[in-house]
Amino acid sequence: MKKAKQERSFEDSFKRLETILERLEGEDCSLEETINLYEEGLTLTKFCYDKLNNAELRIKEINKTTKGSAEIKEFKQ
């Protein structure tokens, strides 16, 4: 089952994180469900962080290859 989570896309993982957050913010979660959702959320957070980090590294490498030197610019949200 862990392999299926790793094959999940960034977008699907982020949507699942939003769903988990909404569920945790509700008042009808049992303690056991809260712990399970929290654990899943941490796993998904790490997955999303790693995906974003890899994307940033790829972009830096592309800029380095196409322009001769890496240009590091701040990403604006």
Protein backbone atom coordinates (compact mmCIF):
# COMPACT_ATOMS: atom_id res chain seq x y z
CA MET A 1 0.00 0.00 0.00
CA LYS A 2 2.89 2.37 0.68
CA LYS A 3 3.96 2.11 -2.96
CA ALA A 4 0.54 3.37 -4.11
CA LYS A 5 0.96 6.49 -1.96
CA GLN A 6 4.32 7.21 -3.58
CA GLU A 7 2.78 6.97 -7.05
CA ARG A 8 0.15 9.56 -6.12
CA SER A 9 0.58 12.91 -7.82
CA PHE A 10 1.45 16.11 -5.99
CA GLU A 11 -1.98 17.51 -6.78
CA ASP A 12 -3.81 14.46 -5.43
CA SER A 13 -1.66 14.47 -2.31
CA PHE A 14 -2.32 18.15 -1.69
CA LYS A 15 -6.08 17.66 -2.13
CA ARG A 16 -5.96 14.78 0.35
CA LEU A 17 -4.10 17.01 2.81
CA GLU A 18 -6.88 19.59 2.49
CA THR A 19 -9.47 16.87 3.15
CA ILE A 20 -7.54 15.68 6.19
CA LEU A 21 -7.33 19.22 7.54
CA GLU A 22 -11.08 19.74 7.13
CA ARG A 23 -11.74 16.45 8.88
CA LEU A 24 -9.40 17.29 11.75
CA GLU A 25 -10.98 20.71 12.17
CA GLY A 26 -14.36 19.05 12.59
CA GLU A 27 -15.56 18.06 16.01
CA ASP A 28 -16.62 14.50 15.26
CA CYS A 29 -13.23 12.75 14.97
CA SER A 30 -12.42 10.05 17.45
CA LEU A 31 -9.00 10.03 19.06
CA GLU A 32 -7.91 7.01 17.00
CA GLU A 33 -9.11 8.60 13.75
CA THR A 34 -7.36 11.84 14.65
CA ILE A 35 -4.08 10.02 15.21
CA ASN A 36 -4.44 8.09 11.94
CA LEU A 37 -5.27 11.24 9.96
CA TYR A 38 -2.38 13.11 11.58
CA GLU A 39 0.03 10.32 10.66
CA GLU A 40 -1.25 10.22 7.06
CA GLY A 41 -0.98 14.01 6.89
CA LEU A 42 2.66 13.93 7.97
CA THR A 43 3.45 11.34 5.31
CA LEU A 44 1.70 13.37 2.63
CA THR A 45 3.39 16.58 3.79
CA LYS A 46 6.82 14.97 3.40
CA PHE A 47 5.83 13.63 -0.03
CA CYS A 48 4.67 17.10 -1.18
CA TYR A 49 7.76 18.79 0.26
CA ASP A 50 10.05 16.34 -1.55
CA LYS A 51 8.16 16.85 -4.83
CA LEU A 52 8.45 20.64 -4.53
CA ASN A 53 12.11 20.44 -3.60
CA ASN A 54 12.84 18.20 -6.60
CA ALA A 55 10.92 20.54 -8.89
CA GLU A 56 12.96 23.50 -7.65
CA LEU A 57 16.20 21.61 -8.25
CA ARG A 58 15.09 20.67 -11.76
CA ILE A 59 14.21 24.29 -12.54
CA LYS A 60 17.62 25.46 -11.29
CA GLU A 61 19.31 22.80 -13.44
CA ILE A 62 17.28 23.82 -16.50
CA ASN A 63 18.20 27.46 -15.97
CA LYS A 64 21.83 26.51 -15.52
CA THR A 65 21.87 24.47 -18.74
CA THR A 66 19.95 26.90 -20.89
CA LYS A 67 21.58 30.13 -19.70
CA GLY A 68 25.08 28.98 -18.89
CA SER A 69 24.77 29.78 -15.21
CA ALA A 70 22.14 29.25 -12.61
CA GLU A 71 19.84 32.14 -11.85
CA ILE A 72 18.28 31.86 -8.45
CA LYS A 73 15.19 33.97 -8.06
CA GLU A 74 12.71 34.05 -5.23
CA PHE A 75 9.39 32.43 -6.04
CA LYS A 76 6.50 34.82 -5.45
CA GLN A 77 3.25 33.38 -4.18
